[in-house]
Amino acid sequence: MTMAKRDTYTPDTLLTVAVRVFNERGYDGTSMEHLSQAAGISKSSIYHHVRSKEELLHRAISRALDGLFGILDEPAAREGRAVVRLEHVTRRTAEVLMAELPYVTLLLRVHGNTDTERWAMARRREFDQQVSDLLTRAAAEGDLRPDVDVRLATRLLFGMINSIAEWYRPERASDSRDDAAVADAVVRIAFAGLRT
């Protein structure tokens, strides 16, 4: 008598597979059939865990956003001079991006084609605005060069951090010191040009 293969997937392991496939094929280019094949389980097994492909997207993007917004609640992001808080947020954003690379990569690639994507883009803009507010405060406190355009500096800062998703490969990093070195380099390079 042959036993049927049991579905050993959990919502978390299924999410890991879905994020990998979304990043490889694009969210719009991924079908439930693609997810089923990648996971090695039936579509009905997937539906046992989630209602839809968009629910998987929402869960993945929520994980990335929770990590980013969690930074803003850290004491070092809420207390002290704005420029020091901004350096902390910059360093931690790079660290979260590397720690949650597939999830943040997916967040960075959404286009606004679904309700979940539009929600994610609005949340990203909210995060960016809070960082921009810190830049504005740091300039008002005299800690940033007076010729720095805050909106442009915000975009450049996030451009540098977000570019990590394009080239960073955790399997090449020998240990967590490599991640710290990347985060330190981002802060050092960015603030060498921003600080007075």
C-alpha atoms as a PDB file:
ATOM      1  CA  MET A   1       0.000   0.000   0.000  1.00  0.00           C
ATOM      2  CA  THR A   2       1.401   3.384  -1.041  1.00  0.00           C
ATOM      3  CA  MET A   3       0.957   6.354   1.248  1.00  0.00           C
ATOM      4  CA  ALA A   4       0.076   9.684  -0.323  1.00  0.00           C
ATOM      5  CA  LYS A   5       2.656  12.422   0.134  1.00  0.00           C
ATOM      6  CA  ARG A   6       1.648  14.609   3.064  1.00  0.00           C
ATOM      7  CA  ASP A   7       1.633  18.386   2.761  1.00  0.00           C
ATOM      8  CA  THR A   8       4.455  19.388   5.074  1.00  0.00           C
ATOM      9  CA  TYR A   9       4.280  23.053   4.151  1.00  0.00           C
ATOM     10  CA  THR A  10       3.438  25.644   6.750  1.00  0.00           C
ATOM     11  CA  PRO A  11       2.261  29.156   5.934  1.00  0.00           C
ATOM     12  CA  ASP A  12       5.837  30.395   6.578  1.00  0.00           C
ATOM     13  CA  THR A  13       7.579  27.850   4.363  1.00  0.00           C
ATOM     14  CA  LEU A  14       5.008  28.396   1.629  1.00  0.00           C
ATOM     15  CA  LEU A  15       5.610  32.153   1.914  1.00  0.00           C
ATOM     16  CA  THR A  16       9.355  31.614   1.472  1.00  0.00           C
ATOM     17  CA  VAL A  17       8.740  29.699  -1.763  1.00  0.00           C
ATOM     18  CA  ALA A  18       6.213  32.259  -3.006  1.00  0.00           C
ATOM     19  CA  VAL A  19       8.579  35.183  -2.404  1.00  0.00           C
ATOM     20  CA  ARG A  20      11.357  33.404  -4.299  1.00  0.00           C
ATOM     21  CA  VAL A  21       9.042  32.747  -7.260  1.00  0.00           C
ATOM     22  CA  PHE A  22       7.601  36.290  -7.192  1.00  0.00           C
ATOM     23  CA  ASN A  23      11.139  37.700  -7.272  1.00  0.00           C
ATOM     24  CA  GLU A  24      12.173  35.367 -10.112  1.00  0.00           C
ATOM     25  CA  ARG A  25       9.081  35.712 -12.323  1.00  0.00           C
ATOM     26  CA  GLY A  26       7.539  38.949 -11.107  1.00  0.00           C
ATOM     27  CA  TYR A  27       4.290  38.981  -9.193  1.00  0.00           C
ATOM     28  CA  ASP A  28       2.177  39.502 -12.320  1.00  0.00           C
ATOM     29  CA  GLY A  29       4.059  36.719 -14.132  1.00  0.00           C
ATOM     30  CA  THR A  30       3.448  34.187 -11.365  1.00  0.00           C
ATOM     31  CA  SER A  31       0.420  31.920 -11.388  1.00  0.00           C
ATOM     32  CA  MET A  32      -0.817  29.595  -8.687  1.00  0.00           C
ATOM     33  CA  GLU A  33       0.380  26.789 -10.974  1.00  0.00           C
ATOM     34  CA  HIS A  34       3.920  28.220 -10.822  1.00  0.00           C
ATOM     35  CA  LEU A  35       3.699  28.344  -7.028  1.00  0.00           C
ATOM     36  CA  SER A  36       2.340  24.797  -6.907  1.00  0.00           C
ATOM     37  CA  GLN A  37       5.207  23.486  -9.047  1.00  0.00           C
ATOM     38  CA  ALA A  38       7.861  25.389  -7.061  1.00  0.00           C
ATOM     39  CA  ALA A  39       6.490  24.126  -3.755  1.00  0.00           C
ATOM     40  CA  GLY A  40       5.953  20.599  -5.011  1.00  0.00           C
ATOM     41  CA  ILE A  41       2.406  20.557  -3.693  1.00  0.00           C
ATOM     42  CA  SER A  42      -1.012  20.804  -5.273  1.00  0.00           C
ATOM     43  CA  LYS A  43      -2.853  24.064  -5.762  1.00  0.00           C
ATOM     44  CA  SER A  44      -5.509  22.817  -3.347  1.00  0.00           C
ATOM     45  CA  SER A  45      -2.784  22.401  -0.709  1.00  0.00           C
ATOM     46  CA  ILE A  46      -1.777  26.012  -1.272  1.00  0.00           C
ATOM     47  CA  TYR A  47      -5.402  27.077  -0.870  1.00  0.00           C
ATOM     48  CA  HIS A  48      -5.435  25.208   2.416  1.00  0.00           C
ATOM     49  CA  HIS A  49      -2.942  27.831   3.686  1.00  0.00           C
ATOM     50  CA  VAL A  50      -4.020  30.995   1.830  1.00  0.00           C
ATOM     51  CA  ARG A  51      -7.033  32.374   0.009  1.00  0.00           C
ATOM     52  CA  SER A  52      -5.143  33.806  -2.956  1.00  0.00           C
ATOM     53  CA  LYS A  53      -1.848  34.717  -4.546  1.00  0.00           C
ATOM     54  CA  GLU A  54      -2.433  38.300  -3.416  1.00  0.00           C
ATOM     55  CA  GLU A  55      -2.676  37.144   0.206  1.00  0.00           C
ATOM     56  CA  LEU A  56       0.828  35.700  -0.153  1.00  0.00           C
ATOM     57  CA  LEU A  57       1.999  39.034  -1.576  1.00  0.00           C
ATOM     58  CA  HIS A  58       0.396  40.918   1.307  1.00  0.00           C
ATOM     59  CA  ARG A  59       2.020  38.653   3.897  1.00  0.00           C
ATOM     60  CA  ALA A  60       5.438  39.015   2.264  1.00  0.00           C
ATOM     61  CA  ILE A  61       5.253  42.779   1.922  1.00  0.00           C
ATOM     62  CA  SER A  62       3.920  43.105   5.465  1.00  0.00           C
ATOM     63  CA  ARG A  63       6.987  41.278   6.728  1.00  0.00           C
ATOM     64  CA  ALA A  64       9.263  43.765   4.939  1.00  0.00           C
ATOM     65  CA  LEU A  65       7.269  46.805   6.056  1.00  0.00           C
ATOM     66  CA  ASP A  66       7.046  45.598   9.654  1.00  0.00           C
ATOM     67  CA  GLY A  67      10.825  45.376   9.709  1.00  0.00           C
ATOM     68  CA  LEU A  68      11.244  48.877   8.316  1.00  0.00           C
ATOM     69  CA  PHE A  69       8.620  50.555  10.481  1.00  0.00           C
ATOM     70  CA  GLY A  70       9.976  48.715  13.519  1.00  0.00           C
ATOM     71  CA  ILE A  71      13.179  50.720  13.061  1.00  0.00           C
ATOM     72  CA  LEU A  72      11.283  53.966  13.591  1.00  0.00           C
ATOM     73  CA  ASP A  73      10.069  52.693  16.983  1.00  0.00           C
ATOM     74  CA  GLU A  74      13.568  51.911  18.270  1.00  0.00           C
ATOM     75  CA  PRO A  75      14.750  54.297  21.010  1.00  0.00           C
ATOM     76  CA  ALA A  76      17.778  55.383  18.946  1.00  0.00           C
ATOM     77  CA  ALA A  77      15.385  56.462  16.168  1.00  0.00           C
ATOM     78  CA  ARG A  78      13.176  58.499  18.523  1.00  0.00           C
ATOM     79  CA  GLU A  79      15.599  60.194  20.933  1.00  0.00           C
ATOM     80  CA  GLY A  80      18.512  62.595  20.495  1.00  0.00           C
ATOM     81  CA  ARG A  81      19.699  64.894  17.754  1.00  0.00           C
ATOM     82  CA  ALA A  82      17.993  64.323  14.430  1.00  0.00           C
ATOM     83  CA  VAL A  83      21.221  63.619  12.534  1.00  0.00           C
ATOM     84  CA  VAL A  84      22.208  60.858  14.977  1.00  0.00           C
ATOM     85  CA  ARG A  85      18.697  59.394  14.746  1.00  0.00           C
ATOM     86  CA  LEU A  86      18.923  59.597  10.956  1.00  0.00           C
ATOM     87  CA  GLU A  87      22.243  57.753  10.945  1.00  0.00           C
ATOM     88  CA  HIS A  88      20.677  55.042  13.113  1.00  0.00           C
ATOM     89  CA  VAL A  89      17.670  54.719  10.789  1.00  0.00           C
ATOM     90  CA  THR A  90      19.965  54.583   7.754  1.00  0.00           C
ATOM     91  CA  ARG A  91      22.168  51.868   9.271  1.00  0.00           C
ATOM     92  CA  ARG A  92      19.198  49.813  10.475  1.00  0.00           C
ATOM     93  CA  THR A  93      17.388  50.145   7.142  1.00  0.00           C
ATOM     94  CA  ALA A  94      20.417  48.658   5.393  1.00  0.00           C
ATOM     95  CA  GLU A  95      20.577  45.906   8.033  1.00  0.00           C
ATOM     96  CA  VAL A  96      16.869  45.065   7.680  1.00  0.00           C
ATOM     97  CA  LEU A  97      17.199  45.021   3.901  1.00  0.00           C
ATOM     98  CA  MET A  98      20.032  42.479   4.128  1.00  0.00           C
ATOM     99  CA  ALA A  99      18.326  40.395   6.839  1.00  0.00           C
ATOM    100  CA  GLU A 100      15.007  40.296   4.969  1.00  0.00           C
ATOM    101  CA  LEU A 101      16.471  40.521   1.447  1.00  0.00           C
ATOM    102  CA  PRO A 102      13.855  38.524  -0.510  1.00  0.00           C
ATOM    103  CA  TYR A 103      10.956  40.275   1.227  1.00  0.00           C
ATOM    104  CA  VAL A 104      12.358  43.804   0.865  1.00  0.00           C
ATOM    105  CA  THR A 105      13.355  43.066  -2.737  1.00  0.00           C
ATOM    106  CA  LEU A 106       9.749  42.134  -3.444  1.00  0.00           C
ATOM    107  CA  LEU A 107       8.556  45.322  -1.739  1.00  0.00           C
ATOM    108  CA  LEU A 108      10.891  47.400  -3.903  1.00  0.00           C
ATOM    109  CA  ARG A 109       9.547  45.761  -7.082  1.00  0.00           C
ATOM    110  CA  VAL A 110       5.816  46.346  -6.640  1.00  0.00           C
ATOM    111  CA  HIS A 111       4.204  48.446  -9.365  1.00  0.00           C
ATOM    112  CA  GLY A 112       0.808  49.377  -7.969  1.00  0.00           C
ATOM    113  CA  ASN A 113      -1.228  46.972 -10.103  1.00  0.00           C
ATOM    114  CA  THR A 114      -3.218  45.490  -7.196  1.00  0.00           C
ATOM    115  CA  ASP A 115      -4.758  46.810  -3.996  1.00  0.00           C
ATOM    116  CA  THR A 116      -1.921  45.215  -2.020  1.00  0.00           C
ATOM    117  CA  GLU A 117       0.718  46.855  -4.207  1.00  0.00           C
ATOM    118  CA  ARG A 118      -0.937  50.268  -3.916  1.00  0.00           C
ATOM    119  CA  TRP A 119      -1.113  49.827  -0.131  1.00  0.00           C
ATOM    120  CA  ALA A 120       2.568  48.849  -0.064  1.00  0.00           C
ATOM    121  CA  MET A 121       3.576  51.868  -2.127  1.00  0.00           C
ATOM    122  CA  ALA A 122       1.634  54.191   0.171  1.00  0.00           C
ATOM    123  CA  ARG A 123       3.338  52.643   3.219  1.00  0.00           C
ATOM    124  CA  ARG A 124       6.758  53.049   1.585  1.00  0.00           C
ATOM    125  CA  ARG A 125       5.994  56.713   0.925  1.00  0.00           C
ATOM    126  CA  GLU A 126       4.989  57.073   4.587  1.00  0.00           C
ATOM    127  CA  PHE A 127       8.314  55.560   5.695  1.00  0.00           C
ATOM    128  CA  ASP A 128      10.231  57.780   3.266  1.00  0.00           C
ATOM    129  CA  GLN A 129       8.363  60.843   4.593  1.00  0.00           C
ATOM    130  CA  GLN A 130       9.334  60.063   8.172  1.00  0.00           C
ATOM    131  CA  VAL A 131      12.987  59.816   7.123  1.00  0.00           C
ATOM    132  CA  SER A 132      12.646  63.028   5.132  1.00  0.00           C
ATOM    133  CA  ASP A 133      11.260  64.710   8.271  1.00  0.00           C
ATOM    134  CA  LEU A 134      14.392  63.605  10.145  1.00  0.00           C
ATOM    135  CA  LEU A 135      16.550  65.113   7.398  1.00  0.00           C
ATOM    136  CA  THR A 136      14.592  68.370   7.662  1.00  0.00           C
ATOM    137  CA  ARG A 137      15.074  68.425  11.450  1.00  0.00           C
ATOM    138  CA  ALA A 138      18.794  67.675  11.127  1.00  0.00           C
ATOM    139  CA  ALA A 139      19.147  70.571   8.688  1.00  0.00           C
ATOM    140  CA  ALA A 140      17.205  72.880  11.031  1.00  0.00           C
ATOM    141  CA  GLU A 141      19.508  71.840  13.900  1.00  0.00           C
ATOM    142  CA  GLY A 142      22.486  72.868  11.769  1.00  0.00           C
ATOM    143  CA  ASP A 143      23.916  69.355  11.394  1.00  0.00           C
ATOM    144  CA  LEU A 144      23.497  69.076   7.616  1.00  0.00           C
ATOM    145  CA  ARG A 145      25.151  71.152   4.962  1.00  0.00           C
ATOM    146  CA  PRO A 146      22.956  74.148   4.102  1.00  0.00           C
ATOM    147  CA  ASP A 147      23.188  73.444   0.364  1.00  0.00           C
ATOM    148  CA  VAL A 148      21.567  69.995   0.772  1.00  0.00           C
ATOM    149  CA  ASP A 149      18.127  69.692  -0.817  1.00  0.00           C
ATOM    150  CA  VAL A 150      16.206  67.495   1.648  1.00  0.00           C
ATOM    151  CA  ARG A 151      13.919  65.863  -0.938  1.00  0.00           C
ATOM    152  CA  LEU A 152      16.828  65.037  -3.217  1.00  0.00           C
ATOM    153  CA  ALA A 153      18.945  63.811  -0.276  1.00  0.00           C
ATOM    154  CA  THR A 154      16.102  61.508   0.804  1.00  0.00           C
ATOM    155  CA  ARG A 155      15.848  60.008  -2.669  1.00  0.00           C
ATOM    156  CA  LEU A 156      19.601  59.572  -2.995  1.00  0.00           C
ATOM    157  CA  LEU A 157      19.868  58.023   0.460  1.00  0.00           C
ATOM    158  CA  PHE A 158      17.154  55.484  -0.294  1.00  0.00           C
ATOM    159  CA  GLY A 159      18.563  54.915  -3.767  1.00  0.00           C
ATOM    160  CA  MET A 160      21.865  53.919  -2.216  1.00  0.00           C
ATOM    161  CA  ILE A 161      20.254  51.685   0.420  1.00  0.00           C
ATOM    162  CA  ASN A 162      17.787  50.098  -1.990  1.00  0.00           C
ATOM    163  CA  SER A 163      20.561  49.327  -4.491  1.00  0.00           C
ATOM    164  CA  ILE A 164      21.866  46.770  -1.977  1.00  0.00           C
ATOM    165  CA  ALA A 165      18.973  44.532  -3.062  1.00  0.00           C
ATOM    166  CA  GLU A 166      20.449  44.402  -6.569  1.00  0.00           C
ATOM    167  CA  TRP A 167      23.967  43.257  -5.698  1.00  0.00           C
ATOM    168  CA  TYR A 168      24.063  41.895  -2.139  1.00  0.00           C
ATOM    169  CA  ARG A 169      24.162  38.094  -1.914  1.00  0.00           C
ATOM    170  CA  PRO A 170      23.998  36.686   1.637  1.00  0.00           C
ATOM    171  CA  GLU A 171      25.546  33.387   0.554  1.00  0.00           C
ATOM    172  CA  ARG A 172      28.751  35.289  -0.300  1.00  0.00           C
ATOM    173  CA  ALA A 173      28.922  37.053   3.073  1.00  0.00           C
ATOM    174  CA  SER A 174      31.149  35.081   5.410  1.00  0.00           C
ATOM    175  CA  ASP A 175      29.372  36.218   8.575  1.00  0.00           C
ATOM    176  CA  SER A 176      27.331  38.999  10.155  1.00  0.00           C
ATOM    177  CA  ARG A 177      30.410  41.262  10.221  1.00  0.00           C
ATOM    178  CA  ASP A 178      30.093  41.548   6.448  1.00  0.00           C
ATOM    179  CA  ASP A 179      26.518  42.834   6.853  1.00  0.00           C
ATOM    180  CA  ALA A 180      27.711  45.328   9.477  1.00  0.00           C
ATOM    181  CA  ALA A 181      30.492  46.484   7.145  1.00  0.00           C
ATOM    182  CA  VAL A 182      27.966  47.175   4.374  1.00  0.00           C
ATOM    183  CA  ALA A 183      25.672  49.093   6.745  1.00  0.00           C
ATOM    184  CA  ASP A 184      28.630  51.077   8.135  1.00  0.00           C
ATOM    185  CA  ALA A 185      29.804  51.928   4.610  1.00  0.00           C
ATOM    186  CA  VAL A 186      26.341  53.230   3.670  1.00  0.00           C
ATOM    187  CA  VAL A 187      26.275  55.502   6.727  1.00  0.00           C
ATOM    188  CA  ARG A 188      29.871  56.653   6.306  1.00  0.00           C
ATOM    189  CA  ILE A 189      29.528  57.474   2.602  1.00  0.00           C
ATOM    190  CA  ALA A 190      26.119  59.120   2.900  1.00  0.00           C
ATOM    191  CA  PHE A 191      26.855  61.251   5.926  1.00  0.00           C
ATOM    192  CA  ALA A 192      30.309  62.302   4.753  1.00  0.00           C
ATOM    193  CA  GLY A 193      28.414  64.219   2.087  1.00  0.00           C
ATOM    194  CA  LEU A 194      25.494  65.338   4.258  1.00  0.00           C
ATOM    195  CA  ARG A 195      27.001  66.458   7.558  1.00  0.00           C
ATOM    196  CA  THR A 196      28.368  69.952   8.109  1.00  0.00           C
END
